[in-house]
Amino acid sequence: MITVSFSSDAAVRVCERRWFLASVVAHPTANKDLIRRDARLLRRLVHVEAWAGRIIHSTLEEVLIPAACENGRLPNPDQLIAQALDLMRRQEEFSRRKLYRSISKSKAGKDFCALYADEYDGGLTGREKGGTFLINFRSKCSFR
C-alpha cells in the first residue's frame, strides 16, 4: 500500500516516472533488492557544480555565521578557504573511493559525498580537483 501525501501528489503531477523511481523503486527501506538499493544510492549523486555550492554553503553556515553571531567579528577569508578545502578534500576522497556504496550518510557525517563524475566519468578532472570554485569564492570575499 502506498501512502499519498501532498508532496507525492505534486511529484506525480510533474512527472509520474520520476515519482515512481524516487518513491517506489528507490525507497529508503529497499536494502535487500540490489537494483532498488542501487537506485537509492545513485539518487544521491551530485554534479561538481552542485557539490561546490554545498561546500561553500556548508562553510558559511558552520564557520562564518557562528563566528559572526558569537563575537560579532567575521573570520579571516583565508580561514574560510582552509575550512572549505579541508571539507572538499575529505568529501572528494570519500566519493573517489566510492564509500557511499558501503557507508551510510548518517555514519559518514559531513564526509559523505557521491559525485556523478566518480560513478560515471572516471573521476574529477584536474581543474575540478584544484578547487577553482574556492579561488572564485576568495576573490568575492571582502569582509571589511
Protein backbone atom coordinates (compact mmCIF):
# COMPACT_ATOMS: atom_id res chain seq x y z
CA MET A 1 0.00 0.00 0.00
CA ILE A 2 1.30 3.44 -0.91
CA THR A 3 0.66 6.41 1.33
CA VAL A 4 -0.18 9.52 -0.64
CA SER A 5 0.91 12.91 0.62
CA PHE A 6 0.59 16.39 -0.84
CA SER A 7 4.24 16.31 -1.95
CA SER A 8 3.78 12.88 -3.56
CA ASP A 9 0.71 14.13 -5.37
CA ALA A 10 2.62 17.17 -6.63
CA ALA A 11 5.52 14.97 -7.76
CA VAL A 12 3.18 12.64 -9.67
CA ARG A 13 1.61 15.61 -11.43
CA VAL A 14 5.03 16.86 -12.55
CA CYS A 15 6.46 13.52 -13.68
CA GLU A 16 4.99 10.12 -12.93
CA ARG A 17 8.17 8.28 -13.85
CA ARG A 18 10.33 10.41 -11.56
CA TRP A 19 7.88 9.90 -8.68
CA PHE A 20 7.83 6.13 -9.25
CA LEU A 21 11.63 5.85 -9.37
CA ALA A 22 12.13 8.05 -6.31
CA SER A 23 9.26 6.85 -4.12
CA VAL A 24 8.81 3.21 -5.06
CA VAL A 25 11.99 1.89 -6.66
CA ALA A 26 14.48 3.90 -4.59
CA HIS A 27 12.56 3.77 -1.34
CA PRO A 28 14.87 4.12 1.71
CA THR A 29 13.77 0.78 3.16
CA ALA A 30 14.68 -1.12 -0.02
CA ASN A 31 18.03 -2.57 1.10
CA LYS A 32 17.63 -6.23 0.19
CA ASP A 33 16.93 -5.89 -3.51
CA LEU A 34 20.18 -4.80 -5.21
CA ILE A 35 18.51 -2.91 -8.04
CA ARG A 36 16.39 -0.89 -5.64
CA ARG A 37 19.38 -0.31 -3.36
CA ASP A 38 21.47 0.94 -6.29
CA ALA A 39 18.64 3.22 -7.38
CA ARG A 40 18.59 4.75 -3.91
CA LEU A 41 22.37 5.20 -3.90
CA LEU A 42 22.52 6.65 -7.39
CA ARG A 43 19.78 9.10 -6.50
CA ARG A 44 22.28 10.79 -4.19
CA LEU A 45 24.80 11.52 -6.94
CA VAL A 46 25.60 15.20 -7.43
CA HIS A 47 27.39 17.08 -10.18
CA VAL A 48 30.56 19.02 -9.40
CA GLU A 49 28.84 22.40 -9.60
CA ALA A 50 26.19 21.41 -7.04
CA TRP A 51 28.90 19.91 -4.82
CA ALA A 52 30.87 23.19 -4.98
CA GLY A 53 27.79 25.09 -3.88
CA ARG A 54 27.24 22.70 -0.99
CA ILE A 55 30.86 23.15 0.16
CA ILE A 56 30.54 26.94 0.10
CA HIS A 57 27.17 26.97 1.84
CA SER A 58 28.31 24.49 4.46
CA THR A 59 31.41 26.57 5.21
CA LEU A 60 29.40 29.76 5.52
CA GLU A 61 26.84 28.04 7.73
CA GLU A 62 29.32 26.30 10.02
CA VAL A 63 32.14 28.86 10.23
CA LEU A 64 31.13 32.36 9.19
CA ILE A 65 27.67 32.64 10.74
CA PRO A 66 28.62 31.16 14.16
CA ALA A 67 31.71 33.41 14.36
CA ALA A 68 29.68 36.48 13.47
CA CYS A 69 26.97 35.62 15.98
CA GLU A 70 29.33 34.73 18.85
CA ASN A 71 31.72 37.66 18.81
CA GLY A 72 30.37 39.97 16.14
CA ARG A 73 33.51 39.61 14.03
CA LEU A 74 33.91 37.92 10.70
CA PRO A 75 36.62 35.28 10.35
CA ASN A 76 39.61 35.75 8.09
CA PRO A 77 38.70 34.79 4.50
CA ASP A 78 41.78 32.53 4.43
CA GLN A 79 40.33 30.61 7.39
CA LEU A 80 37.10 30.11 5.45
CA ILE A 81 39.03 28.86 2.43
CA ALA A 82 41.09 26.48 4.59
CA GLN A 83 37.92 25.03 6.15
CA ALA A 84 36.30 24.65 2.74
CA LEU A 85 39.41 23.00 1.25
CA ASP A 86 39.58 20.54 4.14
CA LEU A 87 35.93 19.56 3.69
CA MET A 88 36.37 19.38 -0.08
CA ARG A 89 39.36 17.04 0.18
CA ARG A 90 37.63 14.74 2.65
CA GLN A 91 34.48 14.52 0.54
CA GLU A 92 36.46 14.10 -2.67
CA GLU A 93 38.33 11.13 -1.17
CA PHE A 94 35.08 9.61 0.13
CA SER A 95 33.49 9.82 -3.31
CA ARG A 96 36.61 8.75 -5.23
CA ARG A 97 36.78 5.56 -3.16
CA LYS A 98 33.00 5.08 -3.69
CA LEU A 99 32.45 4.70 0.03
CA TYR A 100 28.89 5.97 -0.46
CA ARG A 101 28.10 2.42 -1.58
CA SER A 102 29.15 0.90 1.76
CA ILE A 103 28.90 3.63 4.40
CA SER A 104 25.59 5.27 5.23
CA LYS A 105 25.15 9.02 5.11
CA SER A 106 24.46 9.11 8.84
CA LYS A 107 27.68 7.22 9.67
CA ALA A 108 29.85 9.25 7.28
CA GLY A 109 28.56 12.58 8.54
CA LYS A 110 29.99 15.61 6.78
CA ASP A 111 32.43 13.47 4.80
CA PHE A 112 29.60 11.87 2.81
CA CYS A 113 29.74 12.70 -0.87
CA ALA A 114 28.66 10.86 -4.01
CA LEU A 115 29.88 12.60 -7.16
CA TYR A 116 28.43 11.80 -10.56
CA ALA A 117 31.93 12.15 -12.02
CA ASP A 118 33.26 9.34 -9.84
CA GLU A 119 30.41 7.00 -10.71
CA TYR A 120 30.27 7.56 -14.47
CA ASP A 121 33.01 9.86 -15.79
CA GLY A 122 36.17 8.31 -14.33
CA GLY A 123 36.62 10.88 -11.58
CA LEU A 124 37.22 14.58 -11.25
CA THR A 125 39.36 16.49 -13.72
CA GLY A 126 42.44 18.39 -12.59
CA ARG A 127 40.57 21.69 -12.72
CA GLU A 128 37.75 20.31 -10.59
CA LYS A 129 40.18 18.81 -8.07
CA GLY A 130 42.00 22.10 -7.67
CA GLY A 131 39.02 23.79 -6.10
CA THR A 132 38.90 26.66 -8.59
CA PHE A 133 35.46 27.49 -7.22
CA LEU A 134 37.18 28.32 -3.93
CA ILE A 135 39.51 30.74 -5.70
CA ASN A 136 36.45 32.44 -7.17
CA PHE A 137 34.87 32.45 -3.72
CA ARG A 138 38.03 34.01 -2.22
CA SER A 139 38.04 36.76 -4.81
CA LYS A 140 34.48 37.68 -3.78
CA CYS A 141 35.31 37.74 -0.06
CA SER A 142 35.84 41.32 1.01
CA PHE A 143 34.98 41.43 4.68
CA ARG A 144 35.64 44.99 5.73
